[in-house]
Amino acid sequence: AEAVAYSHGRGAIHCDIKPTNVVLVDEGRSLVLIDWGMARLIGGKTGHAYVRGGSLQSMSPEQARGVEMLDGRGDVYALGAVLFTVMSGRGPWVGGRDEVLAMLRADPAPPGVRDLQPPGLAALVHQAMEPDVDQRLASAETFANRLRSWLDRRSAWVDAHAHLGRAGVWIREANAFEKKARALASRVASLQRELSASPTDEELGPVFA
């Protein structure tokens, strides 16, 4: 999403964002958006060639209709479709190419978006894949910021639960130590009572007659 926002900031739209064009590099620590063969300048002509060449599972309704003047919001729709796929394990649409193309041109919302989990990301997908381009999430930068915000909150939640888990272990260890300390103190007190009840040397008499 940040790479798309960067390209939009320099006037270019990708037009073919899909899961297979997002690859892991740097031993899985970074994502790179590849295959910029269909990229165009924002406001540049696209048309029906961009219907034949693009992936329907992540294609915006306006691109499916062959609109000549696309802007960055088509890429935002595609980002939402990629996130849908990551969350559900499948593409947003079910059917053959002609069926999916007909559905896209009819401007429906993808089925199952609101059923995605977790709800916070489902809301982001819904906003990004809004069929009405004027009601859609406005920019890839906004998409990236919201996704980053959710990931940061999720990371903080995971860290908090990890700390709670470690605290629970420490408490259990402290309780176990306290029980052992009490048992040891009880044993020491018992030994002290035994020693105080032992006869003195005078009471025992001489060792040798």
Protein backbone atom coordinates (compact mmCIF):
# COMPACT_ATOMS: atom_id res chain seq x y z
CA ALA A 1 0.00 0.00 0.00
CA GLU A 2 2.84 2.38 0.79
CA ALA A 3 4.49 1.61 -2.57
CA VAL A 4 1.21 2.36 -4.35
CA ALA A 5 0.84 5.62 -2.42
CA TYR A 6 4.42 6.51 -3.41
CA SER A 7 3.72 5.89 -7.11
CA HIS A 8 0.47 7.87 -6.93
CA GLY A 9 2.38 10.74 -5.41
CA ARG A 10 4.52 10.76 -8.52
CA GLY A 11 1.57 10.57 -10.89
CA ALA A 12 1.56 6.85 -11.80
CA ILE A 13 -1.13 4.21 -11.31
CA HIS A 14 -0.38 0.47 -11.44
CA CYS A 15 -3.69 -0.85 -12.90
CA ASP A 16 -2.92 -4.53 -12.21
CA ILE A 17 -2.43 -4.98 -8.46
CA LYS A 18 -3.08 -8.60 -7.47
CA PRO A 19 -1.67 -11.11 -4.97
CA THR A 20 0.82 -12.62 -7.43
CA ASN A 21 2.28 -9.14 -8.05
CA VAL A 22 3.09 -8.70 -4.35
CA VAL A 23 6.27 -10.62 -3.49
CA LEU A 24 8.34 -11.13 -0.37
CA VAL A 25 11.99 -10.08 -0.46
CA ASP A 26 14.79 -9.61 2.04
CA GLU A 27 14.16 -13.03 3.59
CA GLY A 28 10.49 -12.27 4.10
CA ARG A 29 10.98 -8.93 5.85
CA SER A 30 9.72 -6.71 3.01
CA LEU A 31 7.02 -6.68 0.34
CA VAL A 32 7.61 -5.44 -3.21
CA LEU A 33 4.98 -4.61 -5.82
CA ILE A 34 6.09 -5.93 -9.23
CA ASP A 35 4.84 -6.04 -12.84
CA TRP A 36 4.30 -2.42 -13.76
CA GLY A 37 3.66 -3.28 -17.41
CA MET A 38 0.13 -1.85 -17.35
CA ALA A 39 1.04 1.26 -15.37
CA ARG A 40 -0.09 4.63 -16.69
CA LEU A 41 0.06 8.24 -15.66
CA ILE A 42 -2.93 9.38 -13.63
CA GLY A 43 -5.43 10.82 -16.10
CA GLY A 44 -3.83 8.99 -19.02
CA LYS A 45 -6.02 6.96 -21.37
CA THR A 46 -6.59 3.30 -20.54
CA GLY A 47 -9.76 1.88 -22.10
CA HIS A 48 -10.79 -1.67 -22.98
CA ALA A 49 -7.25 -3.03 -23.30
CA TYR A 50 -7.06 -2.70 -19.53
CA VAL A 51 -10.06 -5.02 -19.21
CA ARG A 52 -8.46 -7.75 -21.30
CA GLY A 53 -5.08 -7.50 -19.60
CA GLY A 54 -6.03 -7.02 -15.96
CA SER A 55 -6.96 -9.48 -13.25
CA LEU A 56 -10.74 -9.48 -12.71
CA GLN A 57 -10.45 -10.60 -9.08
CA SER A 58 -8.88 -7.27 -8.17
CA MET A 59 -10.16 -5.04 -10.98
CA SER A 60 -12.26 -2.00 -10.09
CA PRO A 61 -15.76 -1.66 -11.62
CA GLU A 62 -14.73 1.44 -13.56
CA GLN A 63 -11.77 -0.39 -15.11
CA ALA A 64 -14.05 -3.34 -15.96
CA ARG A 65 -16.37 -0.94 -17.81
CA GLY A 66 -13.45 0.32 -19.89
CA VAL A 67 -13.44 3.85 -18.51
CA GLU A 68 -10.71 5.73 -20.35
CA MET A 69 -9.58 8.05 -17.56
CA LEU A 70 -8.66 6.09 -14.45
CA ASP A 71 -7.20 7.52 -11.27
CA GLY A 72 -5.61 6.15 -8.13
CA ARG A 73 -8.90 4.97 -6.64
CA GLY A 74 -8.86 1.97 -8.99
CA ASP A 75 -5.61 0.88 -7.33
CA VAL A 76 -7.24 1.44 -3.93
CA TYR A 77 -10.02 -0.97 -4.95
CA ALA A 78 -7.36 -3.51 -5.98
CA LEU A 79 -5.56 -3.13 -2.64
CA GLY A 80 -8.86 -3.92 -0.92
CA ALA A 81 -9.25 -7.00 -3.13
CA VAL A 82 -5.76 -8.22 -2.26
CA LEU A 83 -6.49 -7.76 1.45
CA PHE A 84 -9.80 -9.63 0.95
CA THR A 85 -7.84 -12.53 -0.55
CA VAL A 86 -5.30 -12.54 2.29
CA MET A 87 -8.09 -12.61 4.88
CA SER A 88 -10.36 -15.17 3.19
CA GLY A 89 -7.96 -17.36 1.23
CA ARG A 90 -9.86 -16.76 -2.02
CA GLY A 91 -10.63 -13.97 -4.45
CA PRO A 92 -13.64 -11.67 -3.91
CA TRP A 93 -15.59 -13.05 -6.87
CA VAL A 94 -16.86 -16.54 -7.74
CA GLY A 95 -17.52 -17.54 -11.36
CA GLY A 96 -16.01 -17.59 -14.81
CA ARG A 97 -14.46 -14.55 -16.49
CA ASP A 98 -17.65 -13.47 -18.24
CA GLU A 99 -19.72 -13.87 -15.07
CA VAL A 100 -17.27 -11.90 -12.95
CA LEU A 101 -16.99 -9.20 -15.59
CA ALA A 102 -20.79 -8.86 -15.69
CA MET A 103 -20.93 -8.58 -11.90
CA LEU A 104 -18.21 -5.94 -11.85
CA ARG A 105 -19.97 -3.87 -14.50
CA ALA A 106 -23.19 -4.07 -12.48
CA ASP A 107 -21.36 -2.34 -9.60
CA PRO A 108 -22.21 -4.69 -6.72
CA ALA A 109 -20.28 -4.88 -3.50
CA PRO A 110 -18.28 -8.14 -3.35
CA PRO A 111 -20.16 -10.83 -1.43
CA GLY A 112 -18.84 -11.79 1.96
CA VAL A 113 -16.90 -8.61 2.74
CA ARG A 114 -18.75 -7.93 5.98
CA ASP A 115 -18.25 -11.53 7.10
CA LEU A 116 -14.47 -11.22 7.07
CA GLN A 117 -12.54 -11.38 10.31
CA PRO A 118 -11.24 -9.40 12.11
CA PRO A 119 -13.92 -6.69 11.84
CA GLY A 120 -11.42 -3.80 11.80
CA LEU A 121 -9.78 -5.05 8.61
CA ALA A 122 -13.15 -6.05 7.15
CA ALA A 123 -14.25 -2.40 7.44
CA LEU A 124 -11.10 -1.30 5.58
CA VAL A 125 -11.77 -3.82 2.79
CA HIS A 126 -15.38 -2.62 2.55
CA GLN A 127 -14.33 1.02 2.25
CA ALA A 128 -11.61 0.24 -0.30
CA MET A 129 -13.87 -1.96 -2.46
CA GLU A 130 -16.81 0.46 -2.51
CA PRO A 131 -18.23 0.13 -6.08
CA ASP A 132 -19.06 3.85 -6.29
CA VAL A 133 -15.70 5.46 -6.92
CA ASP A 134 -16.86 8.71 -5.30
CA GLN A 135 -17.74 6.86 -2.07
CA ARG A 136 -14.57 4.79 -2.03
CA LEU A 137 -11.60 5.32 0.24
CA ALA A 138 -9.97 8.40 -1.26
CA SER A 139 -6.32 7.38 -1.63
CA ALA A 140 -3.73 4.64 -1.28
CA GLU A 141 -2.05 6.78 1.37
CA THR A 142 -5.22 6.69 3.49
CA PHE A 143 -5.45 2.92 2.96
CA ALA A 144 -1.79 2.48 4.01
CA ASN A 145 -2.21 4.70 7.08
CA ARG A 146 -5.32 2.85 8.27
CA LEU A 147 -3.72 -0.53 7.69
CA ARG A 148 -0.59 0.56 9.55
CA SER A 149 -2.70 1.93 12.40
CA TRP A 150 -4.56 -1.38 12.71
CA LEU A 151 -1.31 -3.36 12.63
CA ASP A 152 0.22 -1.10 15.30
CA ARG A 153 -2.82 -1.55 17.55
CA ARG A 154 -2.75 -5.28 16.96
CA SER A 155 0.95 -5.40 17.79
CA ALA A 156 0.35 -3.45 21.00
CA TRP A 157 -2.48 -5.85 21.92
CA VAL A 158 -0.26 -8.87 21.31
CA ASP A 159 2.57 -7.31 23.33
CA ALA A 160 0.19 -6.53 26.20
CA HIS A 161 -1.09 -10.09 26.27
CA ALA A 162 2.47 -11.41 26.11
CA HIS A 163 3.38 -9.24 29.12
CA LEU A 164 0.30 -10.46 30.96
CA GLY A 165 1.27 -14.02 30.17
CA ARG A 166 4.79 -13.48 31.50
CA ALA A 167 3.39 -11.74 34.58
CA GLY A 168 1.17 -14.74 35.20
CA VAL A 169 4.19 -17.04 35.05
CA TRP A 170 6.09 -14.81 37.49
CA ILE A 171 3.12 -14.76 39.88
CA ARG A 172 2.81 -18.52 39.79
CA GLU A 173 6.56 -18.87 40.37
CA ALA A 174 6.38 -16.36 43.24
CA ASN A 175 3.46 -18.25 44.80
CA ALA A 176 5.35 -21.53 44.51
CA PHE A 177 8.44 -19.91 46.07
CA GLU A 178 6.29 -18.50 48.89
CA LYS A 179 4.88 -21.97 49.63
CA LYS A 180 8.38 -23.43 49.70
CA ALA A 181 9.55 -20.60 51.97
CA ARG A 182 6.65 -21.19 54.36
CA ALA A 183 7.38 -24.92 54.43
CA LEU A 184 11.05 -24.22 55.13
CA ALA A 185 10.16 -21.74 57.89
CA SER A 186 7.85 -24.32 59.44
CA ARG A 187 10.60 -26.93 59.33
CA VAL A 188 13.09 -24.54 60.94
CA ALA A 189 10.60 -23.73 63.71
CA SER A 190 10.07 -27.46 64.32
CA LEU A 191 13.80 -28.06 64.58
CA GLN A 192 14.13 -25.15 67.00
CA ARG A 193 11.40 -26.66 69.21
CA GLU A 194 13.15 -30.02 69.12
CA LEU A 195 16.46 -28.44 70.10
CA SER A 196 14.92 -26.49 72.94
CA ALA A 197 13.37 -29.71 74.28
CA SER A 198 16.66 -31.68 74.12
CA PRO A 199 18.35 -32.53 77.53
CA THR A 200 21.35 -30.53 78.62
CA ASP A 201 24.82 -31.97 79.16
CA GLU A 202 24.23 -31.97 82.91
CA GLU A 203 21.06 -33.93 82.42
CA LEU A 204 22.81 -36.43 80.20
CA GLY A 205 25.68 -36.96 82.64
CA PRO A 206 29.31 -37.66 81.78
CA VAL A 207 30.08 -39.41 78.55
CA PHE A 208 32.65 -41.69 80.26
CA ALA A 209 32.17 -43.28 83.68
